[in-house]
Amino acid sequence: MDEELGAHDGVKGWRMLLDDCLPEFDVRASYATRIAAPPERVYASLRTADFDHWGLMRALSALRALPAFPAAPRETWRRFREELWRQGFTLDNVLAGGFPLLGERPGEELVLGTVGRFWRARGELCATSPARFREPAPPGTAKAAWNFAVGRRSDGATELRTETRVLCADVATRRRFRAYWTLIGPFSGLIRREMLAAVRSAAESTQRRIVDPPT
Protein backbone atom coordinates (compact mmCIF):
# COMPACT_ATOMS: atom_id res chain seq x y z
CA MET A 1 0.00 0.00 0.00
CA ASP A 2 1.23 3.49 -0.80
CA GLU A 3 1.63 5.83 2.14
CA GLU A 4 2.03 9.55 2.57
CA LEU A 5 4.88 9.76 5.05
CA GLY A 6 6.53 12.45 7.09
CA ALA A 7 9.39 10.24 8.26
CA HIS A 8 11.47 7.52 6.66
CA ASP A 9 9.60 4.53 8.12
CA GLY A 10 11.86 1.49 8.40
CA VAL A 11 14.81 3.09 6.58
CA LYS A 12 17.86 4.23 8.49
CA GLY A 13 20.47 6.83 7.54
CA TRP A 14 18.62 8.13 4.48
CA ARG A 15 20.35 11.27 3.21
CA MET A 16 18.81 12.50 -0.04
CA LEU A 17 20.30 14.30 -3.03
CA LEU A 18 17.05 16.24 -3.05
CA ASP A 19 18.27 18.05 0.07
CA ASP A 20 21.21 19.40 -1.96
CA CYS A 21 19.14 20.36 -5.00
CA LEU A 22 16.31 22.15 -3.15
CA PRO A 23 16.95 22.40 0.61
CA GLU A 24 14.31 25.13 1.11
CA PHE A 25 10.74 24.89 -0.12
CA ASP A 26 7.25 26.35 0.18
CA VAL A 27 5.40 23.11 -0.57
CA ARG A 28 6.40 19.52 0.11
CA ALA A 29 4.61 16.23 -0.57
CA SER A 30 6.14 12.83 0.16
CA TYR A 31 4.92 9.31 -0.60
CA ALA A 32 6.43 5.86 -0.15
CA THR A 33 5.68 2.21 -0.75
CA ARG A 34 7.07 -1.09 0.48
CA ILE A 35 8.28 -3.46 -2.25
CA ALA A 36 9.06 -7.17 -1.91
CA ALA A 37 12.15 -7.07 -4.12
CA PRO A 38 15.81 -6.10 -3.57
CA PRO A 39 16.83 -2.42 -4.00
CA GLU A 40 18.77 -3.06 -7.21
CA ARG A 41 15.70 -4.67 -8.79
CA VAL A 42 13.49 -1.77 -7.70
CA TYR A 43 15.89 0.82 -9.10
CA ALA A 44 16.13 -1.03 -12.41
CA SER A 45 12.33 -1.16 -12.60
CA LEU A 46 12.16 2.58 -11.96
CA ARG A 47 13.98 3.06 -15.26
CA THR A 48 11.67 0.82 -17.28
CA ALA A 49 8.22 0.80 -15.62
CA ASP A 50 5.22 2.29 -17.40
CA PHE A 51 4.10 5.00 -14.97
CA ASP A 52 0.64 5.06 -16.56
CA HIS A 53 -0.26 2.06 -14.41
CA TRP A 54 -3.91 2.96 -13.76
CA GLY A 55 -4.46 5.30 -16.73
CA LEU A 56 -4.52 8.37 -14.46
CA MET A 57 -1.30 9.93 -15.68
CA ARG A 58 -2.42 9.80 -19.30
CA ALA A 59 -5.89 11.16 -18.52
CA LEU A 60 -4.66 14.01 -16.32
CA SER A 61 -1.93 14.90 -18.81
CA ALA A 62 -4.60 15.18 -21.53
CA LEU A 63 -6.87 17.30 -19.34
CA ARG A 64 -4.00 19.65 -18.58
CA ALA A 65 -3.99 20.74 -22.23
CA LEU A 66 -7.63 21.91 -22.23
CA PRO A 67 -7.27 25.36 -20.55
CA ALA A 68 -5.37 26.55 -23.65
CA PHE A 69 -8.30 25.68 -25.93
CA PRO A 70 -9.77 29.24 -26.28
CA ALA A 71 -6.40 30.66 -27.41
CA ALA A 72 -5.31 27.77 -29.65
CA PRO A 73 -8.16 25.32 -30.29
CA ARG A 74 -6.52 23.32 -33.09
CA GLU A 75 -3.19 22.88 -31.28
CA THR A 76 -4.95 22.11 -27.99
CA TRP A 77 -7.16 19.46 -29.57
CA ARG A 78 -4.09 17.85 -31.17
CA ARG A 79 -2.22 17.78 -27.84
CA PHE A 80 -5.29 16.43 -26.05
CA ARG A 81 -5.62 13.50 -28.46
CA GLU A 82 -1.89 12.76 -28.39
CA GLU A 83 -1.84 12.59 -24.60
CA LEU A 84 -5.08 10.62 -24.35
CA TRP A 85 -3.84 7.91 -26.73
CA ARG A 86 -0.24 7.90 -25.60
CA GLN A 87 1.22 4.40 -25.28
CA GLY A 88 3.58 4.12 -22.34
CA PHE A 89 4.85 6.78 -19.97
CA THR A 90 8.33 5.97 -18.71
CA LEU A 91 11.03 7.91 -16.90
CA ASP A 92 12.55 8.77 -20.28
CA ASN A 93 9.26 10.43 -21.29
CA VAL A 94 9.31 12.50 -18.10
CA LEU A 95 12.92 13.58 -18.74
CA ALA A 96 12.04 14.57 -22.30
CA GLY A 97 8.97 16.49 -21.15
CA GLY A 98 10.75 19.36 -19.43
CA PHE A 99 12.04 17.70 -16.25
CA PRO A 100 15.82 17.27 -16.72
CA LEU A 101 17.90 15.10 -14.42
CA LEU A 102 19.48 17.24 -11.70
CA GLY A 103 21.47 14.50 -10.04
CA GLU A 104 21.74 10.77 -9.54
CA ARG A 105 23.27 8.35 -7.10
CA PRO A 106 23.03 5.19 -9.23
CA GLY A 107 21.07 2.44 -7.58
CA GLU A 108 19.84 4.73 -4.80
CA GLU A 109 18.31 8.04 -5.93
CA LEU A 110 17.66 10.35 -8.85
CA VAL A 111 16.34 13.92 -8.81
CA LEU A 112 14.43 15.76 -11.55
CA GLY A 113 13.57 19.43 -11.65
CA THR A 114 12.09 22.29 -13.60
CA VAL A 115 11.63 26.06 -13.41
CA GLY A 116 8.66 27.98 -14.75
CA ARG A 117 5.09 29.10 -14.28
CA PHE A 118 3.59 25.62 -14.27
CA TRP A 119 0.29 26.85 -12.81
CA ARG A 120 -0.48 28.46 -16.16
CA ALA A 121 -2.23 26.62 -18.98
CA ARG A 122 0.91 26.25 -21.12
CA GLY A 123 3.22 25.54 -18.22
CA GLU A 124 5.79 28.11 -19.40
CA LEU A 125 8.77 26.00 -18.41
CA CYS A 126 12.24 27.51 -18.60
CA ALA A 127 15.24 25.60 -19.93
CA THR A 128 17.37 24.55 -16.98
CA SER A 129 20.39 22.47 -16.02
CA PRO A 130 21.78 21.21 -12.69
CA ALA A 131 23.94 24.35 -12.31
CA ARG A 132 21.22 26.77 -13.46
CA PHE A 133 18.63 25.14 -11.21
CA ARG A 134 20.65 26.03 -8.12
CA GLU A 135 20.58 29.72 -9.03
CA PRO A 136 17.70 31.93 -7.79
CA ALA A 137 14.57 31.47 -9.88
CA PRO A 138 13.55 34.44 -12.09
CA PRO A 139 10.83 36.69 -10.61
CA GLY A 140 7.35 35.35 -11.16
CA THR A 141 8.49 31.72 -11.45
CA ALA A 142 8.98 28.76 -9.15
CA LYS A 143 11.39 25.86 -8.92
CA ALA A 144 10.09 22.30 -8.57
CA ALA A 145 12.22 19.27 -7.77
CA TRP A 146 11.17 15.69 -7.15
CA ASN A 147 13.02 12.52 -6.54
CA PHE A 148 12.81 8.76 -6.41
CA ALA A 149 14.90 7.17 -3.66
CA VAL A 150 15.42 3.49 -2.90
CA GLY A 151 16.53 2.11 0.45
CA ARG A 152 16.60 -1.12 2.41
CA ARG A 153 14.03 -1.33 5.22
CA SER A 154 14.73 -2.85 8.61
CA ASP A 155 12.32 -5.70 7.76
CA GLY A 156 14.40 -6.68 4.72
CA ALA A 157 12.06 -5.28 2.08
CA THR A 158 12.76 -2.21 -0.06
CA GLU A 159 11.21 1.21 0.38
CA LEU A 160 10.69 3.37 -2.69
CA ARG A 161 10.05 7.00 -1.85
CA THR A 162 9.19 10.00 -3.97
CA GLU A 163 9.12 13.56 -2.69
CA THR A 164 8.09 16.74 -4.48
CA ARG A 165 9.27 20.20 -3.39
CA VAL A 166 8.40 23.63 -4.78
CA LEU A 167 10.10 26.94 -4.01
CA CYS A 168 8.57 30.18 -5.30
CA ALA A 169 10.71 33.15 -6.32
CA ASP A 170 8.69 35.83 -4.51
CA VAL A 171 5.66 36.48 -2.32
CA ALA A 172 3.24 37.18 -5.18
CA THR A 173 4.26 33.96 -6.94
CA ARG A 174 3.91 32.03 -3.70
CA ARG A 175 0.35 33.30 -3.32
CA ARG A 176 -0.58 32.27 -6.87
CA PHE A 177 1.08 28.90 -6.56
CA ARG A 178 -0.61 28.04 -3.27
CA ALA A 179 -4.01 28.69 -4.86
CA TYR A 180 -3.02 26.43 -7.76
CA TRP A 181 -1.68 23.73 -5.41
CA THR A 182 -4.90 23.68 -3.40
CA LEU A 183 -6.64 22.62 -6.60
CA ILE A 184 -4.01 20.40 -8.20
CA GLY A 185 -2.26 18.94 -5.14
CA PRO A 186 -4.63 15.95 -4.66
CA PHE A 187 -4.24 14.99 -8.34
CA SER A 188 -0.46 15.32 -8.10
CA GLY A 189 -0.60 12.94 -5.16
CA LEU A 190 -2.61 10.40 -7.17
CA ILE A 191 -0.03 10.50 -9.95
CA ARG A 192 2.83 9.93 -7.49
CA ARG A 193 0.98 6.96 -6.00
CA GLU A 194 0.38 5.61 -9.49
CA MET A 195 4.10 5.83 -10.26
CA LEU A 196 5.01 4.00 -7.07
CA ALA A 197 2.43 1.31 -7.81
CA ALA A 198 3.83 0.90 -11.34
CA VAL A 199 7.38 0.41 -10.11
CA ARG A 200 6.25 -1.93 -7.32
CA SER A 201 4.28 -4.07 -9.78
CA ALA A 202 7.19 -4.22 -12.24
CA ALA A 203 9.81 -5.03 -9.58
CA GLU A 204 7.75 -7.66 -7.80
CA SER A 205 6.67 -9.41 -11.00
CA THR A 206 10.29 -9.54 -12.16
CA GLN A 207 11.35 -10.86 -8.77
CA ARG A 208 8.72 -13.62 -8.93
CA ARG A 209 10.00 -14.71 -12.33
CA ILE A 210 13.53 -14.93 -10.93
CA VAL A 211 12.53 -16.82 -7.77
CA ASP A 212 9.96 -19.07 -9.47
CA PRO A 213 11.08 -19.51 -13.11
CA PRO A 214 8.63 -21.29 -15.40
CA THR A 215 9.16 -25.02 -15.70
C-alpha atoms as a PDB file:
ATOM      1  CA  MET A   1       0.000   0.000   0.000  1.00  0.00           C
ATOM      2  CA  ASP A   2       1.234   3.485  -0.797  1.00  0.00           C
ATOM      3  CA  GLU A   3       1.629   5.829   2.143  1.00  0.00           C
ATOM      4  CA  GLU A   4       2.028   9.547   2.570  1.00  0.00           C
ATOM      5  CA  LEU A   5       4.877   9.759   5.050  1.00  0.00           C
ATOM      6  CA  GLY A   6       6.534  12.451   7.087  1.00  0.00           C
ATOM      7  CA  ALA A   7       9.390  10.245   8.258  1.00  0.00           C
ATOM      8  CA  HIS A   8      11.469   7.517   6.658  1.00  0.00           C
ATOM      9  CA  ASP A   9       9.603   4.532   8.121  1.00  0.00           C
ATOM     10  CA  GLY A  10      11.856   1.495   8.398  1.00  0.00           C
ATOM     11  CA  VAL A  11      14.813   3.088   6.578  1.00  0.00           C
ATOM     12  CA  LYS A  12      17.864   4.234   8.490  1.00  0.00           C
ATOM     13  CA  GLY A  13      20.466   6.831   7.541  1.00  0.00           C
ATOM     14  CA  TRP A  14      18.615   8.131   4.482  1.00  0.00           C
ATOM     15  CA  ARG A  15      20.355  11.266   3.209  1.00  0.00           C
ATOM     16  CA  MET A  16      18.813  12.500  -0.041  1.00  0.00           C
ATOM     17  CA  LEU A  17      20.301  14.298  -3.028  1.00  0.00           C
ATOM     18  CA  LEU A  18      17.045  16.238  -3.053  1.00  0.00           C
ATOM     19  CA  ASP A  19      18.268  18.048   0.065  1.00  0.00           C
ATOM     20  CA  ASP A  20      21.207  19.401  -1.961  1.00  0.00           C
ATOM     21  CA  CYS A  21      19.139  20.362  -5.002  1.00  0.00           C
ATOM     22  CA  LEU A  22      16.310  22.151  -3.151  1.00  0.00           C
ATOM     23  CA  PRO A  23      16.946  22.399   0.609  1.00  0.00           C
ATOM     24  CA  GLU A  24      14.313  25.127   1.108  1.00  0.00           C
ATOM     25  CA  PHE A  25      10.743  24.889  -0.123  1.00  0.00           C
ATOM     26  CA  ASP A  26       7.255  26.349   0.180  1.00  0.00           C
ATOM     27  CA  VAL A  27       5.405  23.114  -0.567  1.00  0.00           C
ATOM     28  CA  ARG A  28       6.396  19.520   0.108  1.00  0.00           C
ATOM     29  CA  ALA A  29       4.610  16.225  -0.566  1.00  0.00           C
ATOM     30  CA  SER A  30       6.138  12.832   0.160  1.00  0.00           C
ATOM     31  CA  TYR A  31       4.919   9.311  -0.601  1.00  0.00           C
ATOM     32  CA  ALA A  32       6.427   5.859  -0.146  1.00  0.00           C
ATOM     33  CA  THR A  33       5.679   2.215  -0.753  1.00  0.00           C
ATOM     34  CA  ARG A  34       7.068  -1.093   0.477  1.00  0.00           C
ATOM     35  CA  ILE A  35       8.280  -3.463  -2.252  1.00  0.00           C
ATOM     36  CA  ALA A  36       9.057  -7.167  -1.911  1.00  0.00           C
ATOM     37  CA  ALA A  37      12.149  -7.073  -4.116  1.00  0.00           C
ATOM     38  CA  PRO A  38      15.807  -6.102  -3.570  1.00  0.00           C
ATOM     39  CA  PRO A  39      16.834  -2.422  -3.998  1.00  0.00           C
ATOM     40  CA  GLU A  40      18.770  -3.062  -7.210  1.00  0.00           C
ATOM     41  CA  ARG A  41      15.703  -4.670  -8.787  1.00  0.00           C
ATOM     42  CA  VAL A  42      13.492  -1.772  -7.698  1.00  0.00           C
ATOM     43  CA  TYR A  43      15.886   0.824  -9.100  1.00  0.00           C
ATOM     44  CA  ALA A  44      16.131  -1.026 -12.413  1.00  0.00           C
ATOM     45  CA  SER A  45      12.329  -1.158 -12.599  1.00  0.00           C
ATOM     46  CA  LEU A  46      12.164   2.580 -11.957  1.00  0.00           C
ATOM     47  CA  ARG A  47      13.977   3.063 -15.262  1.00  0.00           C
ATOM     48  CA  THR A  48      11.669   0.818 -17.283  1.00  0.00           C
ATOM     49  CA  ALA A  49       8.218   0.802 -15.623  1.00  0.00           C
ATOM     50  CA  ASP A  50       5.216   2.295 -17.400  1.00  0.00           C
ATOM     51  CA  PHE A  51       4.100   5.003 -14.968  1.00  0.00           C
ATOM     52  CA  ASP A  52       0.637   5.061 -16.557  1.00  0.00           C
ATOM     53  CA  HIS A  53      -0.259   2.061 -14.407  1.00  0.00           C
ATOM     54  CA  TRP A  54      -3.907   2.963 -13.759  1.00  0.00           C
ATOM     55  CA  GLY A  55      -4.458   5.304 -16.729  1.00  0.00           C
ATOM     56  CA  LEU A  56      -4.518   8.367 -14.460  1.00  0.00           C
ATOM     57  CA  MET A  57      -1.299   9.932 -15.680  1.00  0.00           C
ATOM     58  CA  ARG A  58      -2.417   9.798 -19.296  1.00  0.00           C
ATOM     59  CA  ALA A  59      -5.892  11.162 -18.520  1.00  0.00           C
ATOM     60  CA  LEU A  60      -4.658  14.014 -16.324  1.00  0.00           C
ATOM     61  CA  SER A  61      -1.933  14.903 -18.809  1.00  0.00           C
ATOM     62  CA  ALA A  62      -4.596  15.177 -21.530  1.00  0.00           C
ATOM     63  CA  LEU A  63      -6.874  17.305 -19.345  1.00  0.00           C
ATOM     64  CA  ARG A  64      -3.998  19.647 -18.581  1.00  0.00           C
ATOM     65  CA  ALA A  65      -3.988  20.740 -22.227  1.00  0.00           C
ATOM     66  CA  LEU A  66      -7.625  21.915 -22.229  1.00  0.00           C
ATOM     67  CA  PRO A  67      -7.270  25.358 -20.554  1.00  0.00           C
ATOM     68  CA  ALA A  68      -5.375  26.551 -23.650  1.00  0.00           C
ATOM     69  CA  PHE A  69      -8.300  25.683 -25.932  1.00  0.00           C
ATOM     70  CA  PRO A  70      -9.768  29.242 -26.279  1.00  0.00           C
ATOM     71  CA  ALA A  71      -6.405  30.658 -27.412  1.00  0.00           C
ATOM     72  CA  ALA A  72      -5.311  27.774 -29.654  1.00  0.00           C
ATOM     73  CA  PRO A  73      -8.158  25.315 -30.294  1.00  0.00           C
ATOM     74  CA  ARG A  74      -6.516  23.316 -33.086  1.00  0.00           C
ATOM     75  CA  GLU A  75      -3.190  22.881 -31.275  1.00  0.00           C
ATOM     76  CA  THR A  76      -4.948  22.105 -27.992  1.00  0.00           C
ATOM     77  CA  TRP A  77      -7.159  19.460 -29.572  1.00  0.00           C
ATOM     78  CA  ARG A  78      -4.089  17.846 -31.167  1.00  0.00           C
ATOM     79  CA  ARG A  79      -2.225  17.777 -27.842  1.00  0.00           C
ATOM     80  CA  PHE A  80      -5.287  16.430 -26.054  1.00  0.00           C
ATOM     81  CA  ARG A  81      -5.622  13.496 -28.460  1.00  0.00           C
ATOM     82  CA  GLU A  82      -1.885  12.759 -28.385  1.00  0.00           C
ATOM     83  CA  GLU A  83      -1.840  12.589 -24.596  1.00  0.00           C
ATOM     84  CA  LEU A  84      -5.078  10.618 -24.347  1.00  0.00           C
ATOM     85  CA  TRP A  85      -3.843   7.911 -26.734  1.00  0.00           C
ATOM     86  CA  ARG A  86      -0.242   7.901 -25.597  1.00  0.00           C
ATOM     87  CA  GLN A  87       1.215   4.400 -25.276  1.00  0.00           C
ATOM     88  CA  GLY A  88       3.583   4.117 -22.335  1.00  0.00           C
ATOM     89  CA  PHE A  89       4.849   6.775 -19.970  1.00  0.00           C
ATOM     90  CA  THR A  90       8.332   5.973 -18.706  1.00  0.00           C
ATOM     91  CA  LEU A  91      11.028   7.907 -16.903  1.00  0.00           C
ATOM     92  CA  ASP A  92      12.554   8.771 -20.281  1.00  0.00           C
ATOM     93  CA  ASN A  93       9.255  10.432 -21.290  1.00  0.00           C
ATOM     94  CA  VAL A  94       9.311  12.504 -18.098  1.00  0.00           C
ATOM     95  CA  LEU A  95      12.918  13.579 -18.736  1.00  0.00           C
ATOM     96  CA  ALA A  96      12.044  14.572 -22.302  1.00  0.00           C
ATOM     97  CA  GLY A  97       8.968  16.489 -21.154  1.00  0.00           C
ATOM     98  CA  GLY A  98      10.748  19.364 -19.435  1.00  0.00           C
ATOM     99  CA  PHE A  99      12.039  17.697 -16.250  1.00  0.00           C
ATOM    100  CA  PRO A 100      15.816  17.274 -16.721  1.00  0.00           C
ATOM    101  CA  LEU A 101      17.904  15.099 -14.424  1.00  0.00           C
ATOM    102  CA  LEU A 102      19.475  17.243 -11.700  1.00  0.00           C
ATOM    103  CA  GLY A 103      21.470  14.503 -10.036  1.00  0.00           C
ATOM    104  CA  GLU A 104      21.735  10.774  -9.537  1.00  0.00           C
ATOM    105  CA  ARG A 105      23.269   8.351  -7.100  1.00  0.00           C
ATOM    106  CA  PRO A 106      23.030   5.189  -9.232  1.00  0.00           C
ATOM    107  CA  GLY A 107      21.070   2.439  -7.583  1.00  0.00           C
ATOM    108  CA  GLU A 108      19.843   4.734  -4.802  1.00  0.00           C
ATOM    109  CA  GLU A 109      18.313   8.038  -5.926  1.00  0.00           C
ATOM    110  CA  LEU A 110      17.657  10.345  -8.845  1.00  0.00           C
ATOM    111  CA  VAL A 111      16.345  13.920  -8.812  1.00  0.00           C
ATOM    112  CA  LEU A 112      14.430  15.756 -11.547  1.00  0.00           C
ATOM    113  CA  GLY A 113      13.571  19.434 -11.651  1.00  0.00           C
ATOM    114  CA  THR A 114      12.094  22.294 -13.602  1.00  0.00           C
ATOM    115  CA  VAL A 115      11.627  26.059 -13.406  1.00  0.00           C
ATOM    116  CA  GLY A 116       8.657  27.979 -14.748  1.00  0.00           C
ATOM    117  CA  ARG A 117       5.088  29.102 -14.283  1.00  0.00           C
ATOM    118  CA  PHE A 118       3.585  25.619 -14.272  1.00  0.00           C
ATOM    119  CA  TRP A 119       0.288  26.850 -12.805  1.00  0.00           C
ATOM    120  CA  ARG A 120      -0.482  28.459 -16.161  1.00  0.00           C
ATOM    121  CA  ALA A 121      -2.232  26.621 -18.983  1.00  0.00           C
ATOM    122  CA  ARG A 122       0.907  26.254 -21.124  1.00  0.00           C
ATOM    123  CA  GLY A 123       3.225  25.538 -18.216  1.00  0.00           C
ATOM    124  CA  GLU A 124       5.785  28.115 -19.397  1.00  0.00           C
ATOM    125  CA  LEU A 125       8.772  25.997 -18.414  1.00  0.00           C
ATOM    126  CA  CYS A 126      12.241  27.510 -18.604  1.00  0.00           C
ATOM    127  CA  ALA A 127      15.243  25.605 -19.927  1.00  0.00           C
ATOM    128  CA  THR A 128      17.373  24.546 -16.981  1.00  0.00           C
ATOM    129  CA  SER A 129      20.387  22.469 -16.019  1.00  0.00           C
ATOM    130  CA  PRO A 130      21.784  21.211 -12.687  1.00  0.00           C
ATOM    131  CA  ALA A 131      23.936  24.348 -12.314  1.00  0.00           C
ATOM    132  CA  ARG A 132      21.225  26.766 -13.456  1.00  0.00           C
ATOM    133  CA  PHE A 133      18.629  25.142 -11.207  1.00  0.00           C
ATOM    134  CA  ARG A 134      20.648  26.032  -8.118  1.00  0.00           C
ATOM    135  CA  GLU A 135      20.579  29.723  -9.029  1.00  0.00           C
ATOM    136  CA  PRO A 136      17.704  31.930  -7.787  1.00  0.00           C
ATOM    137  CA  ALA A 137      14.571  31.474  -9.876  1.00  0.00           C
ATOM    138  CA  PRO A 138      13.553  34.443 -12.085  1.00  0.00           C
ATOM    139  CA  PRO A 139      10.828  36.686 -10.609  1.00  0.00           C
ATOM    140  CA  GLY A 140       7.348  35.348 -11.164  1.00  0.00           C
ATOM    141  CA  THR A 141       8.488  31.716 -11.448  1.00  0.00           C
ATOM    142  CA  ALA A 142       8.982  28.764  -9.146  1.00  0.00           C
ATOM    143  CA  LYS A 143      11.389  25.859  -8.916  1.00  0.00           C
ATOM    144  CA  ALA A 144      10.090  22.300  -8.573  1.00  0.00           C
ATOM    145  CA  ALA A 145      12.222  19.269  -7.773  1.00  0.00           C
ATOM    146  CA  TRP A 146      11.170  15.693  -7.146  1.00  0.00           C
ATOM    147  CA  ASN A 147      13.024  12.515  -6.542  1.00  0.00           C
ATOM    148  CA  PHE A 148      12.808   8.757  -6.406  1.00  0.00           C
ATOM    149  CA  ALA A 149      14.901   7.173  -3.664  1.00  0.00           C
ATOM    150  CA  VAL A 150      15.424   3.487  -2.904  1.00  0.00           C
ATOM    151  CA  GLY A 151      16.529   2.108   0.451  1.00  0.00           C
ATOM    152  CA  ARG A 152      16.596  -1.120   2.415  1.00  0.00           C
ATOM    153  CA  ARG A 153      14.031  -1.328   5.215  1.00  0.00           C
ATOM    154  CA  SER A 154      14.725  -2.849   8.610  1.00  0.00           C
ATOM    155  CA  ASP A 155      12.316  -5.701   7.759  1.00  0.00           C
ATOM    156  CA  GLY A 156      14.404  -6.683   4.720  1.00  0.00           C
ATOM    157  CA  ALA A 157      12.057  -5.280   2.084  1.00  0.00           C
ATOM    158  CA  THR A 158      12.762  -2.206  -0.063  1.00  0.00           C
ATOM    159  CA  GLU A 159      11.215   1.208   0.378  1.00  0.00           C
ATOM    160  CA  LEU A 160      10.686   3.366  -2.689  1.00  0.00           C
ATOM    161  CA  ARG A 161      10.052   7.000  -1.852  1.00  0.00           C
ATOM    162  CA  THR A 162       9.188  10.003  -3.974  1.00  0.00           C
ATOM    163  CA  GLU A 163       9.124  13.555  -2.695  1.00  0.00           C
ATOM    164  CA  THR A 164       8.094  16.743  -4.479  1.00  0.00           C
ATOM    165  CA  ARG A 165       9.268  20.205  -3.385  1.00  0.00           C
ATOM    166  CA  VAL A 166       8.400  23.628  -4.781  1.00  0.00           C
ATOM    167  CA  LEU A 167      10.105  26.945  -4.005  1.00  0.00           C
ATOM    168  CA  CYS A 168       8.565  30.184  -5.295  1.00  0.00           C
ATOM    169  CA  ALA A 169      10.706  33.147  -6.319  1.00  0.00           C
ATOM    170  CA  ASP A 170       8.689  35.832  -4.508  1.00  0.00           C
ATOM    171  CA  VAL A 171       5.659  36.479  -2.324  1.00  0.00           C
ATOM    172  CA  ALA A 172       3.245  37.183  -5.181  1.00  0.00           C
ATOM    173  CA  THR A 173       4.258  33.964  -6.941  1.00  0.00           C
ATOM    174  CA  ARG A 174       3.906  32.030  -3.703  1.00  0.00           C
ATOM    175  CA  ARG A 175       0.352  33.297  -3.319  1.00  0.00           C
ATOM    176  CA  ARG A 176      -0.584  32.273  -6.869  1.00  0.00           C
ATOM    177  CA  PHE A 177       1.076  28.896  -6.562  1.00  0.00           C
ATOM    178  CA  ARG A 178      -0.607  28.039  -3.267  1.00  0.00           C
ATOM    179  CA  ALA A 179      -4.013  28.686  -4.860  1.00  0.00           C
ATOM    180  CA  TYR A 180      -3.021  26.427  -7.757  1.00  0.00           C
ATOM    181  CA  TRP A 181      -1.675  23.734  -5.406  1.00  0.00           C
ATOM    182  CA  THR A 182      -4.899  23.678  -3.398  1.00  0.00           C
ATOM    183  CA  LEU A 183      -6.643  22.621  -6.596  1.00  0.00           C
ATOM    184  CA  ILE A 184      -4.012  20.399  -8.196  1.00  0.00           C
ATOM    185  CA  GLY A 185      -2.261  18.941  -5.144  1.00  0.00           C
ATOM    186  CA  PRO A 186      -4.625  15.948  -4.657  1.00  0.00           C
ATOM    187  CA  PHE A 187      -4.242  14.991  -8.337  1.00  0.00           C
ATOM    188  CA  SER A 188      -0.463  15.316  -8.099  1.00  0.00           C
ATOM    189  CA  GLY A 189      -0.602  12.936  -5.158  1.00  0.00           C
ATOM    190  CA  LEU A 190      -2.611  10.404  -7.170  1.00  0.00           C
ATOM    191  CA  ILE A 191      -0.026  10.505  -9.954  1.00  0.00           C
ATOM    192  CA  ARG A 192       2.833   9.933  -7.487  1.00  0.00           C
ATOM    193  CA  ARG A 193       0.981   6.959  -5.995  1.00  0.00           C
ATOM    194  CA  GLU A 194       0.385   5.608  -9.490  1.00  0.00           C
ATOM    195  CA  MET A 195       4.102   5.834 -10.263  1.00  0.00           C
ATOM    196  CA  LEU A 196       5.008   4.001  -7.067  1.00  0.00           C
ATOM    197  CA  ALA A 197       2.431   1.307  -7.813  1.00  0.00           C
ATOM    198  CA  ALA A 198       3.825   0.896 -11.336  1.00  0.00           C
ATOM    199  CA  VAL A 199       7.383   0.407 -10.111  1.00  0.00           C
ATOM    200  CA  ARG A 200       6.247  -1.930  -7.320  1.00  0.00           C
ATOM    201  CA  SER A 201       4.283  -4.067  -9.781  1.00  0.00           C
ATOM    202  CA  ALA A 202       7.195  -4.225 -12.243  1.00  0.00           C
ATOM    203  CA  ALA A 203       9.812  -5.032  -9.579  1.00  0.00           C
ATOM    204  CA  GLU A 204       7.750  -7.660  -7.795  1.00  0.00           C
ATOM    205  CA  SER A 205       6.666  -9.410 -11.002  1.00  0.00           C
ATOM    206  CA  THR A 206      10.293  -9.540 -12.163  1.00  0.00           C
ATOM    207  CA  GLN A 207      11.351 -10.861  -8.766  1.00  0.00           C
ATOM    208  CA  ARG A 208       8.718 -13.615  -8.933  1.00  0.00           C
ATOM    209  CA  ARG A 209      10.003 -14.706 -12.332  1.00  0.00           C
ATOM    210  CA  ILE A 210      13.532 -14.933 -10.929  1.00  0.00           C
ATOM    211  CA  VAL A 211      12.532 -16.820  -7.765  1.00  0.00           C
ATOM    212  CA  ASP A 212       9.964 -19.069  -9.467  1.00  0.00           C
ATOM    213  CA  PRO A 213      11.083 -19.510 -13.105  1.00  0.00           C
ATOM    214  CA  PRO A 214       8.627 -21.286 -15.405  1.00  0.00           C
ATOM    215  CA  THR A 215       9.159 -25.018 -15.705  1.00  0.00           C
END
